């Protein structure tokens, strides 16, 4: 009986241990389903996590920056076109996080590129990259298309039209803040809001009265060249290389603007976020293809010449003649060229990506053919046919 009792206890312990060991394998599928449901719910269109705040002393610290990031420190990474909005304090810690799609997220104030038009609840948002044909576009808007845009012409600001534009400042932070507080977007007086402040400019719009955005990009070397020629008189004595090395020259201006990271080191994540925003929110124009860009703007926004037929053509011909006389001071492969492309590495990468977008948007939205480097249209059906013939030939020679 003594040994029988010991054996019974041993068998009971072994049974319990086996049962316990089997529990994780039984629970795993159930846990996996919970995880899958959570992520499906998170990714659904009607699921928006509210802004998350840390209930700590960090909430009372001074915020130094509000930026778009791929990850927030609280949640996993997201797609580059749907970045988190994070507020950062002086320690570099995240104080507040807003997920893409939430009403407090600034990108919700811009339409997606291919979202159906709703003219009654939209206005045009022109994000101006300095020295990249912004002035030319504004001239065409006013003189040829008769569009009502905001631009300060005199003090004090007012809803008065002066020279075809409404006298409201959208080119300074103070002016944008004032226009936002005065609820200019709901006045119905402005067709186009043009500014070089991307993040702050978005705040002029509302989720129920959105901006439909476009921008024009240029090769960073050519933009740096233009900035140098129009530099402040206090920098008149600087050589081009000295100007590029000075604090007055802001590297990677476009990527910094799109991610709202105005200082500090940039990373590959910043570039990915800028790419995502550009692809999802912007009709992309290219300064080197200015006339084609104008045609696309006319089609996309349904602009037409008001009362002066031939206005656009005449203006473009005049601009073309002026550009031919503009000297190029930076030669490809020169020290200055390498200096700019090194300092503006992320802007250069974004420019090349913008060229891809320009081609894709042209093909899918404006029925423009893809072209090769010589300007000859690319016949993708023919390329595919040749590739299949090549594959058949190789299979016949070497086997599948």
Foldseek 3Di string as FASTA:
>chain_A
DVVVVVVVVVVVVVVVVVVVVCVCVVCVVVVVVVVVVVVVQCPDLPDFDAKDFDPDCVLVADWDFWWWFQDQVPDDGDALLWTWTFTAGPVRHTGMIGGGNDQPDLVLQFAWQPPDDDQVQEAAEEQEDPPQCPVVVVCCVQQFQLFEEEDADDPPADQDDDSSYHRAHPADLVRLVVLQVVLVLVVPRHRYYYYNQDRSNSSSGGSRRHYQYAYEDEQQLVSLVVCVVVDDPVCVPDDSVRVCPDPVHQAQSQLCRQGVPRDDDDDVRSLSNSLSNCNTRYDYHYSVPVVVRVVVCCVSVVTGTDPDPCPVVVSVVVVVVVVVPDDDDDDPPDPSNVSRCVRHVSSNVSVVSSVVSNQVCCVPPVVDADADPVRHGDDVVVVVVVVVVVVVVVCVVPND
